[in-house]
Amino acid sequence: MNVYEIKNTIVKVSSTDSPINDTLRVRRILGTPDFVLLPSFPKSVSMKLLIWNCRGAGNKAFRRTMKELEKTHKPSIIVLMVTKVELSSIGLFFNKLGFTASSHVDPAGRSGRNWILWDPFRATVMALNVNTQVIHAKIKRNKYSDWILLAIYGSPNPRLRDTLWEDLEAVAQNMKDPWLLEGDFNDIASQAEKRNFNSNPSLVRT
């Protein structure tokens, strides 16, 4: 499969098409004239990330599931949210899985709950900023371009969450590397996203 990128627009073309048809289709979709060269990117193996809002990492069920997920997907990096326990209490478990490096914010009441763990033989994670709502890190890997990961768990407190959005806007304005935002923002885009599934209309709050 060939992948072309023009002005942040990515178009994937089926591998069953001929190269000529691939190029014509991309040019038609993007409206690119024949005299403009289309940049192409060599086929490469994607880095696997496992991202899980686990809601508690201190029980046997979590460990069983984590082992199965690691065995099935072989991730290079694991991001966990709402862990509810300190990493030191389960660090040996992850070491045995090969995830011997980490950056984390341990629980402090209802805040501080994100972990990033990685296998240093597969990737390097450089934490640039760590607080109770986000871990901002640069991901490095041999023979691959660096990219930015932001693991987010927005505060239920609206004022703190507003600060998070302001910080993300500042990051976006200065971002030059490819980047990925993941997590739970604990926010909504509009009132239309709110739903009430209560079957008793008399109990619906307005």
N, C-alpha and C. Protein backbone atom coordinates (compact mmCIF):
# COMPACT_ATOMS: atom_id res chain seq x y z
N MET A 1 0.84 -1.19 0.00
CA MET A 1 0.00 0.00 0.00
C MET A 1 0.87 1.24 0.00
N ASN A 2 0.61 2.16 -0.90
CA ASN A 2 1.33 3.41 -0.95
C ASN A 2 0.61 4.45 -0.11
N VAL A 3 1.38 5.34 0.53
CA VAL A 3 0.79 6.40 1.34
C VAL A 3 1.37 7.73 0.87
N TYR A 4 0.52 8.68 0.56
CA TYR A 4 0.96 10.00 0.13
C TYR A 4 0.43 11.03 1.12
N GLU A 5 1.21 12.08 1.36
CA GLU A 5 0.78 13.13 2.29
C GLU A 5 0.99 14.49 1.66
N ILE A 6 -0.08 15.27 1.58
CA ILE A 6 -0.01 16.63 1.08
C ILE A 6 -0.74 17.54 2.07
N LYS A 7 -0.02 18.50 2.64
CA LYS A 7 -0.62 19.46 3.57
C LYS A 7 -1.44 18.75 4.64
N ASN A 8 -0.81 17.75 5.27
CA ASN A 8 -1.42 17.01 6.38
C ASN A 8 -2.62 16.16 5.97
N THR A 9 -2.86 16.01 4.67
CA THR A 9 -3.92 15.13 4.19
C THR A 9 -3.30 13.81 3.77
N ILE A 10 -3.75 12.72 4.36
CA ILE A 10 -3.18 11.41 4.05
C ILE A 10 -4.17 10.60 3.23
N VAL A 11 -3.70 10.05 2.15
CA VAL A 11 -4.54 9.23 1.28
C VAL A 11 -3.89 7.87 1.13
N LYS A 12 -4.60 6.82 1.48
CA LYS A 12 -4.10 5.46 1.32
C LYS A 12 -4.73 4.83 0.09
N VAL A 13 -3.91 4.16 -0.67
CA VAL A 13 -4.35 3.58 -1.93
C VAL A 13 -4.19 2.07 -1.87
N SER A 14 -5.19 1.35 -2.34
CA SER A 14 -5.17 -0.11 -2.28
C SER A 14 -3.98 -0.69 -3.03
N SER A 15 -3.39 -1.73 -2.45
CA SER A 15 -2.23 -2.37 -3.07
C SER A 15 -2.60 -3.14 -4.33
N THR A 16 -3.90 -3.31 -4.59
CA THR A 16 -4.32 -4.03 -5.80
C THR A 16 -4.31 -3.13 -7.02
N ASP A 17 -4.25 -1.80 -6.81
CA ASP A 17 -4.20 -0.87 -7.93
C ASP A 17 -2.79 -0.81 -8.50
N SER A 18 -2.68 -0.43 -9.78
CA SER A 18 -1.37 -0.23 -10.37
C SER A 18 -0.79 1.08 -9.87
N PRO A 19 0.55 1.25 -9.90
CA PRO A 19 1.15 2.51 -9.47
C PRO A 19 0.61 3.72 -10.22
N ILE A 20 0.34 3.55 -11.52
CA ILE A 20 -0.18 4.66 -12.31
C ILE A 20 -1.56 5.06 -11.81
N ASN A 21 -2.44 4.07 -11.58
CA ASN A 21 -3.77 4.36 -11.07
C ASN A 21 -3.71 4.97 -9.68
N ASP A 22 -2.76 4.49 -8.87
CA ASP A 22 -2.56 5.06 -7.53
C ASP A 22 -2.31 6.56 -7.64
N THR A 23 -1.36 6.92 -8.50
CA THR A 23 -0.97 8.32 -8.63
C THR A 23 -2.11 9.17 -9.16
N LEU A 24 -2.81 8.67 -10.16
CA LEU A 24 -3.94 9.42 -10.73
C LEU A 24 -5.03 9.65 -9.69
N ARG A 25 -5.29 8.62 -8.89
CA ARG A 25 -6.34 8.74 -7.88
C ARG A 25 -5.95 9.77 -6.82
N VAL A 26 -4.69 9.73 -6.38
CA VAL A 26 -4.23 10.69 -5.38
C VAL A 26 -4.31 12.11 -5.92
N ARG A 27 -3.87 12.30 -7.14
CA ARG A 27 -3.92 13.64 -7.74
C ARG A 27 -5.35 14.13 -7.87
N ARG A 28 -6.28 13.24 -8.21
CA ARG A 28 -7.68 13.63 -8.36
C ARG A 28 -8.28 14.03 -7.02
N ILE A 29 -7.99 13.25 -5.97
CA ILE A 29 -8.53 13.55 -4.64
C ILE A 29 -7.99 14.87 -4.10
N LEU A 30 -6.68 15.08 -4.29
CA LEU A 30 -6.04 16.27 -3.73
C LEU A 30 -6.11 17.47 -4.64
N GLY A 31 -6.50 17.25 -5.89
CA GLY A 31 -6.52 18.35 -6.84
C GLY A 31 -5.13 18.84 -7.19
N THR A 32 -4.16 17.93 -7.22
CA THR A 32 -2.76 18.28 -7.48
C THR A 32 -2.45 18.16 -8.97
N PRO A 33 -1.92 19.21 -9.59
CA PRO A 33 -1.59 19.13 -11.02
C PRO A 33 -0.45 18.17 -11.30
N ASP A 34 -0.34 17.77 -12.57
CA ASP A 34 0.63 16.76 -12.96
C ASP A 34 2.07 17.18 -12.71
N PHE A 35 2.35 18.49 -12.78
CA PHE A 35 3.74 18.95 -12.66
C PHE A 35 4.22 19.04 -11.21
N VAL A 36 3.34 18.82 -10.24
CA VAL A 36 3.73 18.86 -8.82
C VAL A 36 4.05 17.45 -8.36
N LEU A 37 5.26 17.26 -7.81
CA LEU A 37 5.67 15.94 -7.34
C LEU A 37 4.91 15.56 -6.07
N LEU A 38 4.52 14.29 -5.99
CA LEU A 38 3.86 13.78 -4.79
C LEU A 38 4.90 13.14 -3.88
N PRO A 39 5.04 13.64 -2.66
CA PRO A 39 5.99 12.99 -1.74
C PRO A 39 5.47 11.63 -1.33
N SER A 40 6.35 10.67 -1.20
CA SER A 40 5.96 9.33 -0.78
C SER A 40 6.78 8.94 0.43
N PHE A 41 6.25 8.01 1.21
CA PHE A 41 6.91 7.57 2.43
C PHE A 41 7.15 6.07 2.33
N PRO A 42 8.36 5.61 2.62
CA PRO A 42 8.64 4.18 2.52
C PRO A 42 7.83 3.39 3.52
N LYS A 43 7.53 2.16 3.14
CA LYS A 43 6.78 1.28 4.04
C LYS A 43 7.60 1.00 5.29
N SER A 44 6.99 1.14 6.43
CA SER A 44 7.70 0.92 7.70
C SER A 44 6.77 0.26 8.69
N VAL A 45 7.36 -0.41 9.66
CA VAL A 45 6.58 -1.10 10.68
C VAL A 45 6.16 -0.08 11.75
N SER A 46 4.89 -0.03 12.07
CA SER A 46 4.41 0.92 13.05
C SER A 46 4.82 0.50 14.45
N MET A 47 5.04 1.50 15.30
CA MET A 47 5.28 1.22 16.71
C MET A 47 3.95 0.93 17.39
N LYS A 48 3.90 -0.09 18.22
CA LYS A 48 2.67 -0.47 18.89
C LYS A 48 2.60 0.18 20.28
N LEU A 49 1.48 0.86 20.53
CA LEU A 49 1.20 1.43 21.83
C LEU A 49 -0.04 0.75 22.41
N LEU A 50 0.01 0.46 23.69
CA LEU A 50 -1.15 -0.06 24.39
C LEU A 50 -1.63 1.04 25.33
N ILE A 51 -2.84 1.54 25.11
CA ILE A 51 -3.40 2.63 25.90
C ILE A 51 -4.65 2.13 26.59
N TRP A 52 -4.67 2.24 27.93
CA TRP A 52 -5.74 1.60 28.70
C TRP A 52 -6.14 2.47 29.89
N ASN A 53 -7.40 2.86 29.93
CA ASN A 53 -7.96 3.51 31.12
C ASN A 53 -8.40 2.38 32.05
N CYS A 54 -7.45 1.88 32.82
CA CYS A 54 -7.65 0.61 33.53
C CYS A 54 -8.50 0.74 34.79
N ARG A 55 -8.62 1.95 35.35
CA ARG A 55 -9.44 2.20 36.54
C ARG A 55 -9.03 1.29 37.71
N GLY A 56 -7.75 1.17 37.88
CA GLY A 56 -7.24 0.37 38.99
C GLY A 56 -6.25 -0.68 38.52
N ALA A 57 -5.00 -0.58 39.01
CA ALA A 57 -3.97 -1.52 38.57
C ALA A 57 -3.44 -2.37 39.71
N GLY A 58 -4.18 -2.42 40.81
CA GLY A 58 -3.66 -3.12 41.97
C GLY A 58 -4.29 -4.47 42.25
N ASN A 59 -5.03 -5.01 41.31
CA ASN A 59 -5.72 -6.28 41.57
C ASN A 59 -5.25 -7.38 40.62
N LYS A 60 -5.62 -8.61 40.93
CA LYS A 60 -5.19 -9.76 40.14
C LYS A 60 -5.78 -9.74 38.73
N ALA A 61 -7.01 -9.24 38.61
CA ALA A 61 -7.65 -9.20 37.29
C ALA A 61 -6.86 -8.30 36.35
N PHE A 62 -6.35 -7.18 36.88
CA PHE A 62 -5.54 -6.29 36.04
C PHE A 62 -4.28 -7.01 35.56
N ARG A 63 -3.61 -7.72 36.45
CA ARG A 63 -2.37 -8.39 36.09
C ARG A 63 -2.61 -9.48 35.04
N ARG A 64 -3.68 -10.22 35.21
CA ARG A 64 -4.00 -11.27 34.23
C ARG A 64 -4.25 -10.65 32.85
N THR A 65 -5.05 -9.59 32.85
CA THR A 65 -5.39 -8.95 31.58
C THR A 65 -4.17 -8.30 30.95
N MET A 66 -3.34 -7.69 31.78
CA MET A 66 -2.14 -7.02 31.27
C MET A 66 -1.20 -8.03 30.62
N LYS A 67 -1.03 -9.18 31.25
CA LYS A 67 -0.18 -10.23 30.68
C LYS A 67 -0.72 -10.68 29.33
N GLU A 68 -2.01 -10.86 29.24
CA GLU A 68 -2.62 -11.33 27.99
C GLU A 68 -2.49 -10.28 26.89
N LEU A 69 -2.70 -9.01 27.24
CA LEU A 69 -2.58 -7.94 26.26
C LEU A 69 -1.14 -7.83 25.74
N GLU A 70 -0.18 -7.94 26.65
CA GLU A 70 1.22 -7.84 26.26
C GLU A 70 1.60 -9.02 25.36
N LYS A 71 1.13 -10.21 25.70
CA LYS A 71 1.44 -11.40 24.93
C LYS A 71 0.83 -11.33 23.53
N THR A 72 -0.38 -10.79 23.44
CA THR A 72 -1.10 -10.74 22.17
C THR A 72 -0.58 -9.64 21.25
N HIS A 73 -0.32 -8.45 21.82
CA HIS A 73 -0.03 -7.29 20.99
C HIS A 73 1.44 -6.86 20.97
N LYS A 74 2.25 -7.29 21.93
CA LYS A 74 3.67 -6.95 21.97
C LYS A 74 3.92 -5.45 21.81
N PRO A 75 3.35 -4.63 22.67
CA PRO A 75 3.55 -3.18 22.53
C PRO A 75 4.96 -2.77 22.93
N SER A 76 5.42 -1.66 22.36
CA SER A 76 6.69 -1.07 22.78
C SER A 76 6.50 -0.14 23.97
N ILE A 77 5.31 0.49 24.02
CA ILE A 77 4.99 1.46 25.06
C ILE A 77 3.61 1.15 25.62
N ILE A 78 3.47 1.27 26.92
CA ILE A 78 2.17 1.10 27.59
C ILE A 78 1.81 2.41 28.28
N VAL A 79 0.58 2.86 28.06
CA VAL A 79 0.06 4.04 28.76
C VAL A 79 -1.13 3.60 29.59
N LEU A 80 -1.08 3.85 30.88
CA LEU A 80 -2.17 3.48 31.79
C LEU A 80 -2.70 4.72 32.49
N MET A 81 -4.04 4.77 32.62
CA MET A 81 -4.69 5.89 33.29
C MET A 81 -5.58 5.38 34.42
N VAL A 82 -5.75 6.22 35.42
CA VAL A 82 -6.57 5.91 36.60
C VAL A 82 -6.06 4.62 37.24
N THR A 83 -4.82 4.60 37.59
CA THR A 83 -4.21 3.39 38.16
C THR A 83 -4.58 3.17 39.62
N LYS A 84 -4.80 4.26 40.37
CA LYS A 84 -5.25 4.21 41.76
C LYS A 84 -4.22 3.62 42.73
N VAL A 85 -3.05 3.24 42.25
CA VAL A 85 -1.99 2.74 43.12
C VAL A 85 -0.68 3.37 42.69
N GLU A 86 0.32 3.32 43.57
CA GLU A 86 1.64 3.82 43.22
C GLU A 86 2.36 2.80 42.35
N LEU A 87 3.15 3.31 41.42
CA LEU A 87 3.86 2.42 40.50
C LEU A 87 4.83 1.50 41.25
N SER A 88 5.40 1.98 42.35
CA SER A 88 6.36 1.18 43.10
C SER A 88 5.75 -0.12 43.62
N SER A 89 4.43 -0.12 43.81
CA SER A 89 3.76 -1.32 44.34
C SER A 89 3.60 -2.42 43.30
N ILE A 90 3.81 -2.09 42.03
CA ILE A 90 3.61 -3.07 40.96
C ILE A 90 4.76 -3.03 39.96
N GLY A 91 5.81 -2.29 40.30
CA GLY A 91 6.93 -2.13 39.37
C GLY A 91 7.59 -3.43 38.98
N LEU A 92 7.75 -4.36 39.92
CA LEU A 92 8.39 -5.65 39.62
C LEU A 92 7.60 -6.43 38.59
N PHE A 93 6.29 -6.33 38.64
CA PHE A 93 5.43 -7.01 37.67
C PHE A 93 5.75 -6.54 36.25
N PHE A 94 5.88 -5.23 36.06
CA PHE A 94 6.17 -4.70 34.73
C PHE A 94 7.62 -5.01 34.32
N ASN A 95 8.53 -5.02 35.28
CA ASN A 95 9.92 -5.37 34.96
C ASN A 95 10.01 -6.76 34.35
N LYS A 96 9.22 -7.69 34.88
CA LYS A 96 9.24 -9.05 34.36
C LYS A 96 8.67 -9.13 32.95
N LEU A 97 7.82 -8.16 32.60
CA LEU A 97 7.27 -8.11 31.24
C LEU A 97 8.22 -7.41 30.27
N GLY A 98 9.29 -6.83 30.81
CA GLY A 98 10.26 -6.14 29.96
C GLY A 98 10.14 -4.63 29.95
N PHE A 99 9.17 -4.10 30.69
CA PHE A 99 8.96 -2.66 30.73
C PHE A 99 9.68 -2.10 31.96
N THR A 100 10.96 -1.84 31.77
CA THR A 100 11.83 -1.49 32.90
C THR A 100 12.04 0.01 33.05
N ALA A 101 11.46 0.80 32.15
CA ALA A 101 11.58 2.26 32.24
C ALA A 101 10.18 2.87 32.31
N SER A 102 10.07 4.02 32.98
CA SER A 102 8.74 4.61 33.15
C SER A 102 8.83 6.09 33.45
N SER A 103 7.72 6.77 33.20
CA SER A 103 7.49 8.13 33.66
C SER A 103 6.06 8.13 34.17
N HIS A 104 5.83 8.70 35.35
CA HIS A 104 4.50 8.54 35.93
C HIS A 104 4.16 9.66 36.90
N VAL A 105 2.87 9.78 37.15
CA VAL A 105 2.35 10.64 38.21
C VAL A 105 1.51 9.74 39.09
N ASP A 106 1.99 9.48 40.30
CA ASP A 106 1.25 8.60 41.20
C ASP A 106 0.03 9.30 41.78
N PRO A 107 -0.97 8.53 42.24
CA PRO A 107 -2.20 9.12 42.76
C PRO A 107 -1.94 10.03 43.96
N ALA A 108 -2.65 11.17 43.95
CA ALA A 108 -2.64 12.08 45.09
C ALA A 108 -4.08 12.52 45.28
N GLY A 109 -4.83 11.77 46.06
CA GLY A 109 -6.27 11.99 46.15
C GLY A 109 -6.91 11.54 44.85
N ARG A 110 -7.64 12.44 44.19
CA ARG A 110 -8.30 12.12 42.92
C ARG A 110 -7.47 12.52 41.71
N SER A 111 -6.29 13.09 41.93
CA SER A 111 -5.48 13.54 40.81
C SER A 111 -4.18 12.77 40.75
N GLY A 112 -3.52 12.82 39.60
CA GLY A 112 -2.25 12.14 39.44
C GLY A 112 -2.43 10.66 39.24
N ARG A 113 -2.53 10.23 37.99
CA ARG A 113 -2.89 8.82 37.78
C ARG A 113 -2.36 8.24 36.47
N ASN A 114 -1.53 8.95 35.75
CA ASN A 114 -1.04 8.46 34.46
C ASN A 114 0.32 7.81 34.59
N TRP A 115 0.51 6.72 33.85
CA TRP A 115 1.81 6.07 33.76
C TRP A 115 2.14 5.85 32.29
N ILE A 116 3.41 6.03 31.94
CA ILE A 116 3.94 5.55 30.67
C ILE A 116 5.08 4.61 30.99
N LEU A 117 5.01 3.42 30.48
CA LEU A 117 6.07 2.42 30.66
C LEU A 117 6.54 1.96 29.30
N TRP A 118 7.85 1.68 29.19
CA TRP A 118 8.35 1.24 27.90
C TRP A 118 9.50 0.26 28.04
N ASP A 119 9.65 -0.49 26.97
CA ASP A 119 10.77 -1.42 26.84
C ASP A 119 11.92 -0.65 26.21
N PRO A 120 13.00 -0.38 26.93
CA PRO A 120 14.09 0.45 26.40
C PRO A 120 14.80 -0.16 25.20
N PHE A 121 14.59 -1.46 24.94
CA PHE A 121 15.18 -2.08 23.75
C PHE A 121 14.36 -1.80 22.50
N ARG A 122 13.12 -1.34 22.69
CA ARG A 122 12.25 -1.07 21.56
C ARG A 122 12.05 0.42 21.30
N ALA A 123 12.17 1.24 22.34
CA ALA A 123 11.92 2.68 22.19
C ALA A 123 12.54 3.43 23.37
N THR A 124 12.71 4.73 23.19
CA THR A 124 13.17 5.61 24.25
C THR A 124 12.14 6.71 24.44
N VAL A 125 11.73 6.95 25.66
CA VAL A 125 10.74 7.97 25.97
C VAL A 125 11.41 9.03 26.84
N MET A 126 11.40 10.27 26.35
CA MET A 126 11.98 11.40 27.09
C MET A 126 10.86 12.29 27.59
N ALA A 127 10.61 12.29 28.90
CA ALA A 127 9.54 13.11 29.47
C ALA A 127 9.93 14.58 29.39
N LEU A 128 9.09 15.39 28.75
CA LEU A 128 9.34 16.82 28.62
C LEU A 128 8.58 17.62 29.66
N ASN A 129 7.40 17.13 30.04
CA ASN A 129 6.59 17.80 31.06
C ASN A 129 5.66 16.78 31.68
N VAL A 130 5.63 16.74 32.99
CA VAL A 130 4.80 15.77 33.71
C VAL A 130 4.02 16.50 34.79
N ASN A 131 2.70 16.39 34.76
CA ASN A 131 1.87 16.94 35.84
C ASN A 131 0.66 16.05 36.02
N THR A 132 -0.28 16.48 36.84
CA THR A 132 -1.40 15.61 37.19
C THR A 132 -2.38 15.38 36.05
N GLN A 133 -2.27 16.17 34.96
CA GLN A 133 -3.21 16.02 33.86
C GLN A 133 -2.58 15.48 32.57
N VAL A 134 -1.28 15.57 32.44
CA VAL A 134 -0.67 15.17 31.18
C VAL A 134 0.78 14.76 31.39
N ILE A 135 1.19 13.75 30.64
CA ILE A 135 2.61 13.43 30.48
C ILE A 135 2.96 13.72 29.03
N HIS A 136 3.84 14.69 28.85
CA HIS A 136 4.26 15.15 27.53
C HIS A 136 5.65 14.59 27.28
N ALA A 137 5.78 13.73 26.27
CA ALA A 137 7.04 13.02 26.08
C ALA A 137 7.44 12.97 24.61
N LYS A 138 8.74 12.90 24.37
CA LYS A 138 9.27 12.69 23.02
C LYS A 138 9.64 11.21 22.88
N ILE A 139 9.20 10.62 21.77
CA ILE A 139 9.45 9.21 21.52
C ILE A 139 10.55 9.07 20.48
N LYS A 140 11.57 8.29 20.83
CA LYS A 140 12.70 8.08 19.94
C LYS A 140 12.84 6.59 19.63
N ARG A 141 13.26 6.31 18.41
CA ARG A 141 13.48 4.94 18.00
C ARG A 141 14.51 4.93 16.88
N ASN A 142 15.44 4.01 16.92
CA ASN A 142 16.48 3.95 15.91
C ASN A 142 15.89 3.84 14.50
N LYS A 143 16.43 4.67 13.59
CA LYS A 143 16.07 4.68 12.17
C LYS A 143 14.66 5.20 11.90
N TYR A 144 14.04 5.83 12.91
CA TYR A 144 12.71 6.42 12.74
C TYR A 144 12.74 7.86 13.21
N SER A 145 11.86 8.67 12.67
CA SER A 145 11.77 10.07 13.09
C SER A 145 11.20 10.16 14.50
N ASP A 146 11.65 11.16 15.25
CA ASP A 146 11.10 11.40 16.58
C ASP A 146 9.66 11.90 16.47
N TRP A 147 8.86 11.62 17.49
CA TRP A 147 7.51 12.15 17.52
C TRP A 147 7.10 12.39 18.97
N ILE A 148 6.00 13.11 19.15
CA ILE A 148 5.57 13.56 20.47
C ILE A 148 4.30 12.83 20.89
N LEU A 149 4.29 12.39 22.14
CA LEU A 149 3.12 11.75 22.73
C LEU A 149 2.66 12.55 23.94
N LEU A 150 1.36 12.84 24.01
CA LEU A 150 0.78 13.47 25.18
C LEU A 150 -0.29 12.54 25.74
N ALA A 151 -0.01 11.96 26.89
CA ALA A 151 -0.96 11.08 27.58
C ALA A 151 -1.75 11.94 28.56
N ILE A 152 -3.06 11.99 28.35
CA ILE A 152 -3.89 12.98 29.04
C ILE A 152 -4.96 12.33 29.90
N TYR A 153 -5.13 12.85 31.10
CA TYR A 153 -6.32 12.56 31.89
C TYR A 153 -6.78 13.88 32.50
N GLY A 154 -7.80 14.49 31.87
CA GLY A 154 -8.27 15.81 32.28
C GLY A 154 -8.89 15.78 33.67
N SER A 155 -8.65 16.85 34.41
CA SER A 155 -9.20 16.96 35.76
C SER A 155 -10.72 17.15 35.71
N PRO A 156 -11.46 16.56 36.66
CA PRO A 156 -12.89 16.83 36.76
C PRO A 156 -13.17 18.29 37.14
N ASN A 157 -12.16 18.97 37.68
CA ASN A 157 -12.29 20.38 38.06
C ASN A 157 -12.23 21.25 36.80
N PRO A 158 -13.31 21.98 36.47
CA PRO A 158 -13.33 22.76 35.22
C PRO A 158 -12.20 23.77 35.12
N ARG A 159 -11.81 24.39 36.23
CA ARG A 159 -10.75 25.39 36.17
C ARG A 159 -9.41 24.75 35.81
N LEU A 160 -9.12 23.60 36.42
CA LEU A 160 -7.89 22.90 36.08
C LEU A 160 -7.92 22.39 34.65
N ARG A 161 -9.10 21.95 34.21
CA ARG A 161 -9.23 21.45 32.84
C ARG A 161 -9.04 22.59 31.83
N ASP A 162 -9.50 23.79 32.17
CA ASP A 162 -9.27 24.95 31.30
C ASP A 162 -7.76 25.21 31.15
N THR A 163 -7.04 25.04 32.25
CA THR A 163 -5.59 25.22 32.20
C THR A 163 -4.95 24.19 31.28
N LEU A 164 -5.47 22.96 31.32
CA LEU A 164 -4.97 21.91 30.43
C LEU A 164 -5.14 22.33 28.98
N TRP A 165 -6.33 22.82 28.62
CA TRP A 165 -6.59 23.22 27.23
C TRP A 165 -5.68 24.38 26.82
N GLU A 166 -5.44 25.31 27.73
CA GLU A 166 -4.54 26.42 27.41
C GLU A 166 -3.13 25.91 27.15
N ASP A 167 -2.69 24.95 27.98
CA ASP A 167 -1.36 24.38 27.79
C ASP A 167 -1.27 23.64 26.46
N LEU A 168 -2.33 22.90 26.09
CA LEU A 168 -2.32 22.15 24.84
C LEU A 168 -2.29 23.10 23.63
N GLU A 169 -3.00 24.22 23.74
CA GLU A 169 -2.98 25.20 22.65
C GLU A 169 -1.57 25.77 22.48
N ALA A 170 -0.90 26.03 23.60
CA ALA A 170 0.47 26.55 23.53
C ALA A 170 1.41 25.52 22.90
N VAL A 171 1.21 24.24 23.25
CA VAL A 171 2.03 23.18 22.66
C VAL A 171 1.79 23.10 21.16
N ALA A 172 0.52 23.18 20.76
CA ALA A 172 0.16 23.05 19.34
C ALA A 172 0.78 24.17 18.51
N GLN A 173 0.83 25.37 19.06
CA GLN A 173 1.37 26.51 18.31
C GLN A 173 2.86 26.36 18.02
N ASN A 174 3.55 25.63 18.88
CA ASN A 174 4.99 25.48 18.71
C ASN A 174 5.41 24.09 18.24
N MET A 175 4.44 23.25 17.89
CA MET A 175 4.73 21.88 17.54
C MET A 175 5.25 21.78 16.10
N LYS A 176 6.38 21.13 15.94
CA LYS A 176 6.94 20.90 14.62
C LYS A 176 7.05 19.42 14.30
N ASP A 177 7.07 18.58 15.33
CA ASP A 177 7.17 17.14 15.14
C ASP A 177 5.79 16.52 15.00
N PRO A 178 5.68 15.33 14.41
CA PRO A 178 4.41 14.59 14.45
C PRO A 178 4.04 14.34 15.92
N TRP A 179 2.74 14.39 16.23
CA TRP A 179 2.36 14.18 17.62
C TRP A 179 1.02 13.49 17.74
N LEU A 180 0.85 12.84 18.88
CA LEU A 180 -0.36 12.08 19.18
C LEU A 180 -0.86 12.47 20.56
N LEU A 181 -2.13 12.84 20.64
CA LEU A 181 -2.79 13.09 21.92
C LEU A 181 -3.72 11.92 22.18
N GLU A 182 -3.64 11.36 23.38
CA GLU A 182 -4.51 10.24 23.72
C GLU A 182 -4.92 10.37 25.18
N GLY A 183 -6.05 9.74 25.50
CA GLY A 183 -6.47 9.72 26.89
C GLY A 183 -7.92 10.11 27.07
N ASP A 184 -8.23 10.60 28.25
CA ASP A 184 -9.58 10.99 28.62
C ASP A 184 -9.54 12.46 29.02
N PHE A 185 -10.19 13.31 28.20
CA PHE A 185 -10.17 14.75 28.48
C PHE A 185 -11.21 15.15 29.53
N ASN A 186 -12.13 14.22 29.87
CA ASN A 186 -13.19 14.54 30.82
C ASN A 186 -13.91 15.84 30.44
N ASP A 187 -14.16 15.98 29.15
CA ASP A 187 -14.74 17.22 28.65
C ASP A 187 -15.71 16.88 27.53
N ILE A 188 -16.54 17.84 27.15
CA ILE A 188 -17.46 17.66 26.03
C ILE A 188 -17.29 18.84 25.08
N ALA A 189 -17.59 18.60 23.81
CA ALA A 189 -17.47 19.67 22.82
C ALA A 189 -18.68 20.59 22.84
N SER A 190 -19.86 20.06 23.20
CA SER A 190 -21.07 20.87 23.22
C SER A 190 -22.11 20.19 24.11
N GLN A 191 -23.15 20.93 24.46
CA GLN A 191 -24.23 20.39 25.29
C GLN A 191 -24.95 19.24 24.59
N ALA A 192 -24.87 19.22 23.26
CA ALA A 192 -25.55 18.17 22.50
C ALA A 192 -24.95 16.79 22.78
N GLU A 193 -23.72 16.76 23.28
CA GLU A 193 -23.09 15.48 23.58
C GLU A 193 -23.60 14.86 24.87
N LYS A 194 -24.31 15.64 25.68
CA LYS A 194 -24.83 15.12 26.94
C LYS A 194 -26.08 14.28 26.68
N ARG A 195 -26.17 13.13 27.34
CA ARG A 195 -27.34 12.26 27.20
C ARG A 195 -27.75 11.76 28.57
N ASN A 196 -29.02 11.53 28.72
CA ASN A 196 -29.53 10.95 29.95
C ASN A 196 -30.25 9.67 29.57
N PHE A 197 -29.79 8.54 30.12
CA PHE A 197 -30.34 7.24 29.76
C PHE A 197 -31.36 6.74 30.77
N ASN A 198 -31.81 7.62 31.66
CA ASN A 198 -32.80 7.23 32.65
C ASN A 198 -34.14 6.99 31.97
N SER A 199 -34.73 5.81 32.22
CA SER A 199 -35.99 5.46 31.55
C SER A 199 -37.19 6.16 32.18
N ASN A 200 -37.02 6.78 33.34
CA ASN A 200 -38.12 7.47 34.02
C ASN A 200 -38.01 8.96 33.77
N PRO A 201 -38.87 9.54 32.91
CA PRO A 201 -38.76 10.96 32.56
C PRO A 201 -38.85 11.87 33.77
N SER A 202 -39.59 11.47 34.82
CA SER A 202 -39.78 12.33 35.98
C SER A 202 -38.49 12.52 36.77
N LEU A 203 -37.48 11.65 36.51
CA LEU A 203 -36.22 11.73 37.24
C LEU A 203 -35.13 12.44 36.45
N VAL A 204 -35.46 12.89 35.24
CA VAL A 204 -34.48 13.56 34.41
C VAL A 204 -34.24 14.96 34.94
N ARG A 205 -32.98 15.31 35.16
CA ARG A 205 -32.64 16.62 35.63
C ARG A 205 -32.52 17.59 34.45
N THR A 206 -32.89 18.83 34.68
CA THR A 206 -32.76 19.86 33.63
C THR A 206 -31.81 20.95 34.10
